[in-house]
Amino acid sequence: MTGTSQFCITTWYRTRRGLASLGQHQRMTTWLMPFVTALIGYGVHWAQTALARRHKRKDADEERIGGLLIKLAEIKDLEGDDADRAGRDLAAKVAATDAGLLRDKKLRQRVNEALFMIQALWITTGGNFRPGAIRATWASDAIRCCQAALRGDRLPRLDGLAARQLFDACSTTISTPDGHAVNAYLDAISPEYERQERRFLRWQAQLVPWWRRSPRLWGRLRRPE
């Protein structure tokens, strides 16, 4: 067999093998394409659903914060002889309903802290601040935090007046009779705020479909309120 004949036979075999491999590749591509297309379509659908869900949660949060701002302004602007007691009652109600459902943990803690102070610091009437001033100061602090959250900004620092009121309350709680009353009141309402935090975590876990819940979320659902 001459070199030319051997070259032709080798070339023919390689060409035939290449065509067979190409045909097999085309059949495999034809078989895989529907699955790849379906997978890409599912990924796009999942991304669109997640984005829509995120926008829906954001709109719900903004609506909740807007309603909370109205109630905080109502607490701040209460007038009359019974304004302080009415402000404490409304603060407790707002903390149990609206503030406890805020998704932002830092905002939720800051607003609950302000409502907590409105309910607790009124006992320190022997200090330098009247109960009405305490209520207006801490309601204003919660309002500033909610407005910053709506703008997408960081939460503002505690202003000087609120810090001075807090310092005055801490000084009162050291050895005065009013201080013992403050401590007793704080001990009475602190468990309620802890229960509110547990209720929020449970509510947040219930919003997640059961097939997407992590062991941590299942643990929140099993935990008693």
Protein backbone atom coordinates (compact mmCIF):
# COMPACT_ATOMS: atom_id res chain seq x y z
CA MET A 1 0.00 0.00 0.00
CA THR A 2 1.43 3.29 -1.03
CA GLY A 3 1.68 6.27 1.28
CA THR A 4 -1.00 8.14 -0.65
CA SER A 5 -3.50 5.28 -0.31
CA GLN A 6 -2.80 4.93 3.42
CA PHE A 7 -3.30 8.67 3.84
CA CYS A 8 -6.62 8.58 2.00
CA ILE A 9 -7.91 5.63 4.05
CA THR A 10 -6.84 7.30 7.33
CA THR A 11 -8.48 10.56 6.31
CA TRP A 12 -11.71 8.73 5.38
CA TYR A 13 -11.87 6.91 8.73
CA ARG A 14 -11.22 10.15 10.67
CA THR A 15 -13.85 11.99 8.64
CA ARG A 16 -16.39 9.24 9.24
CA ARG A 17 -15.61 9.16 12.97
CA GLY A 18 -15.89 12.96 13.13
CA LEU A 19 -19.26 12.93 11.37
CA ALA A 20 -20.54 10.23 13.73
CA SER A 21 -19.34 12.21 16.75
CA LEU A 22 -20.94 15.36 15.35
CA GLY A 23 -24.24 13.55 14.85
CA GLN A 24 -24.11 12.19 18.40
CA HIS A 25 -23.35 15.68 19.71
CA GLN A 26 -26.27 17.13 17.76
CA ARG A 27 -28.63 14.47 19.13
CA MET A 28 -27.39 15.15 22.66
CA THR A 29 -27.83 18.90 22.14
CA THR A 30 -31.35 18.37 20.84
CA TRP A 31 -32.13 16.25 23.92
CA LEU A 32 -30.62 18.71 26.41
CA MET A 33 -31.95 21.95 24.97
CA PRO A 34 -35.52 21.62 26.40
CA PHE A 35 -34.13 20.94 29.86
CA VAL A 36 -31.68 23.84 29.69
CA THR A 37 -34.43 26.14 28.43
CA ALA A 38 -36.77 25.00 31.20
CA LEU A 39 -34.05 25.50 33.81
CA ILE A 40 -33.29 29.01 32.59
CA GLY A 41 -37.00 29.83 32.48
CA TYR A 42 -37.47 28.58 36.03
CA GLY A 43 -34.51 30.68 37.20
CA VAL A 44 -35.89 33.81 35.57
CA HIS A 45 -39.35 33.14 37.04
CA TRP A 46 -37.88 32.56 40.50
CA ALA A 47 -35.89 35.81 40.30
CA GLN A 48 -38.96 37.77 39.18
CA THR A 49 -41.06 36.24 41.97
CA ALA A 50 -38.41 37.00 44.59
CA LEU A 51 -38.11 40.59 43.35
CA ALA A 52 -41.89 41.05 43.40
CA ARG A 53 -42.05 39.58 46.90
CA ARG A 54 -39.31 41.91 48.05
CA HIS A 55 -41.10 44.96 46.64
CA LYS A 56 -44.32 43.81 48.27
CA ARG A 57 -42.61 43.50 51.67
CA LYS A 58 -41.02 46.92 51.22
CA ASP A 59 -44.37 48.51 50.36
CA ALA A 60 -45.98 46.84 53.37
CA ASP A 61 -43.17 48.10 55.63
CA GLU A 62 -43.50 51.63 54.32
CA GLU A 63 -47.26 51.53 54.84
CA ARG A 64 -46.77 50.20 58.38
CA ILE A 65 -44.20 52.90 59.18
CA GLY A 66 -46.52 55.56 57.78
CA GLY A 67 -49.33 54.42 60.08
CA LEU A 68 -46.89 54.30 62.98
CA LEU A 69 -45.82 57.89 62.33
CA ILE A 70 -49.42 59.03 62.63
CA LYS A 71 -49.84 57.31 65.99
CA LEU A 72 -46.50 58.60 67.29
CA ALA A 73 -47.50 62.14 66.36
CA GLU A 74 -50.78 61.59 68.20
CA ILE A 75 -48.87 60.48 71.31
CA LYS A 76 -46.59 63.52 71.07
CA ASP A 77 -49.38 66.08 70.57
CA LEU A 78 -51.77 64.88 73.28
CA GLU A 79 -53.09 67.70 75.45
CA GLY A 80 -55.27 68.00 78.51
CA ASP A 81 -55.22 66.92 82.12
CA ASP A 82 -55.35 63.24 81.20
CA ALA A 83 -52.79 63.47 78.38
CA ASP A 84 -49.98 61.69 80.22
CA ARG A 85 -52.03 58.64 81.16
CA ALA A 86 -53.59 58.52 77.69
CA GLY A 87 -50.11 58.78 76.15
CA ARG A 88 -48.84 55.85 78.22
CA ASP A 89 -51.85 53.72 77.30
CA LEU A 90 -51.51 54.56 73.61
CA ALA A 91 -47.76 53.86 73.71
CA ALA A 92 -48.43 50.42 75.15
CA LYS A 93 -51.04 49.74 72.47
CA VAL A 94 -48.79 50.91 69.63
CA ALA A 95 -45.89 48.81 70.95
CA ALA A 96 -48.10 45.71 71.02
CA THR A 97 -49.52 46.19 67.50
CA ASP A 98 -47.59 48.37 65.05
CA ALA A 99 -44.05 48.70 66.39
CA GLY A 100 -43.75 44.98 67.11
CA LEU A 101 -44.20 44.12 63.41
CA LEU A 102 -41.44 46.30 61.96
CA ARG A 103 -39.05 44.15 59.92
CA ASP A 104 -35.97 46.28 60.51
CA LYS A 105 -34.54 44.98 63.78
CA LYS A 106 -32.70 48.18 64.69
CA LEU A 107 -35.74 50.34 63.94
CA ARG A 108 -38.02 47.97 65.85
CA GLN A 109 -35.76 48.05 68.90
CA ARG A 110 -35.35 51.83 68.78
CA VAL A 111 -39.09 52.52 68.49
CA ASN A 112 -39.92 49.99 71.20
CA GLU A 113 -37.30 51.59 73.43
CA ALA A 114 -38.89 55.01 72.94
CA LEU A 115 -42.37 53.64 73.71
CA PHE A 116 -40.91 51.83 76.69
CA MET A 117 -39.48 55.10 78.03
CA ILE A 118 -42.80 56.90 77.55
CA GLN A 119 -44.41 54.30 79.77
CA ALA A 120 -41.66 54.07 82.39
CA LEU A 121 -40.01 57.46 82.87
CA TRP A 122 -43.24 59.20 83.90
CA ILE A 123 -42.63 57.99 87.47
CA THR A 124 -39.52 60.19 87.79
CA THR A 125 -41.55 63.36 88.35
CA GLY A 126 -39.11 64.45 90.99
CA GLY A 127 -36.41 64.95 88.37
CA ASN A 128 -35.80 67.86 86.06
CA PHE A 129 -38.35 66.85 83.40
CA ARG A 130 -42.12 66.76 83.48
CA PRO A 131 -43.99 63.69 82.15
CA GLY A 132 -45.28 65.68 79.16
CA ALA A 133 -41.75 66.65 78.17
CA ILE A 134 -40.61 63.04 78.50
CA ARG A 135 -43.48 61.84 76.30
CA ALA A 136 -42.81 64.49 73.63
CA THR A 137 -39.05 63.85 73.61
CA TRP A 138 -39.20 60.09 73.14
CA ALA A 139 -42.10 60.24 70.67
CA SER A 140 -40.03 62.70 68.63
CA ASP A 141 -37.05 60.33 68.75
CA ALA A 142 -39.20 57.47 67.41
CA ILE A 143 -40.59 59.76 64.70
CA ARG A 144 -37.08 60.77 63.59
CA CYS A 145 -36.07 57.11 63.37
CA CYS A 146 -39.13 56.19 61.28
CA GLN A 147 -38.55 59.10 58.92
CA ALA A 148 -34.90 58.09 58.48
CA ALA A 149 -35.98 54.53 57.70
CA LEU A 150 -38.41 55.77 55.03
CA ARG A 151 -35.62 57.81 53.44
CA GLY A 152 -33.26 54.85 53.55
CA ASP A 153 -30.85 56.65 55.89
CA ARG A 154 -29.13 55.36 59.00
CA LEU A 155 -30.98 55.78 62.27
CA PRO A 156 -30.08 59.04 64.00
CA ARG A 157 -28.25 59.09 67.29
CA LEU A 158 -30.11 59.73 70.50
CA ASP A 159 -30.42 63.49 70.92
CA GLY A 160 -29.10 65.35 73.93
CA LEU A 161 -32.46 65.95 75.59
CA ALA A 162 -33.42 62.28 75.55
CA ALA A 163 -29.98 61.34 76.84
CA ARG A 164 -30.30 63.81 79.71
CA GLN A 165 -33.73 62.46 80.59
CA LEU A 166 -32.35 58.94 80.60
CA PHE A 167 -29.44 60.02 82.81
CA ASP A 168 -31.85 61.80 85.16
CA ALA A 169 -33.99 58.67 85.38
CA CYS A 170 -30.96 56.49 86.09
CA SER A 171 -29.88 58.89 88.83
CA THR A 172 -33.35 58.72 90.35
CA THR A 173 -33.39 54.93 90.38
CA ILE A 174 -30.31 54.66 92.60
CA SER A 175 -31.64 55.31 96.09
CA THR A 176 -34.88 57.31 96.04
CA PRO A 177 -38.39 55.96 96.64
CA ASP A 178 -39.31 56.98 93.11
CA GLY A 179 -36.38 54.92 91.93
CA HIS A 180 -37.77 51.78 93.55
CA ALA A 181 -41.10 52.49 91.86
CA VAL A 182 -39.35 52.86 88.50
CA ASN A 183 -37.52 49.57 88.94
CA ALA A 184 -40.74 47.80 89.92
CA TYR A 185 -42.52 49.24 86.88
CA LEU A 186 -39.68 48.27 84.54
CA ASP A 187 -39.68 44.74 85.94
CA ALA A 188 -43.41 44.55 85.28
CA ILE A 189 -43.40 45.67 81.63
CA SER A 190 -40.05 44.26 80.46
CA PRO A 191 -41.41 40.69 79.96
CA GLU A 192 -44.12 42.10 77.71
CA TYR A 193 -41.52 43.54 75.34
CA GLU A 194 -39.70 40.23 75.30
CA ARG A 195 -42.97 38.49 74.37
CA GLN A 196 -43.50 41.05 71.59
CA GLU A 197 -40.10 40.22 70.13
CA ARG A 198 -40.91 36.50 70.21
CA ARG A 199 -44.29 37.16 68.56
CA PHE A 200 -42.57 39.12 65.80
CA LEU A 201 -40.06 36.32 65.13
CA ARG A 202 -42.90 33.80 65.05
CA TRP A 203 -44.94 35.99 62.69
CA GLN A 204 -41.90 36.44 60.43
CA ALA A 205 -41.37 32.66 60.28
CA GLN A 206 -45.03 32.06 59.39
CA LEU A 207 -44.66 34.26 56.29
CA VAL A 208 -42.12 31.83 54.80
CA PRO A 209 -43.63 28.83 52.94
CA TRP A 210 -43.09 25.58 54.82
CA TRP A 211 -40.79 24.12 52.14
CA ARG A 212 -38.45 27.12 52.42
CA ARG A 213 -38.21 27.25 56.21
CA SER A 214 -34.82 26.64 57.74
CA PRO A 215 -34.40 24.74 61.04
CA ARG A 216 -34.00 28.12 62.74
CA LEU A 217 -37.44 29.23 61.50
CA TRP A 218 -39.03 25.94 62.58
CA GLY A 219 -37.49 26.54 65.99
CA ARG A 220 -39.18 29.93 66.18
CA LEU A 221 -42.55 28.34 65.43
CA ARG A 222 -42.13 25.71 68.13
CA ARG A 223 -41.01 28.25 70.72
CA PRO A 224 -43.90 29.27 73.02
CA GLU A 225 -44.92 32.93 73.07
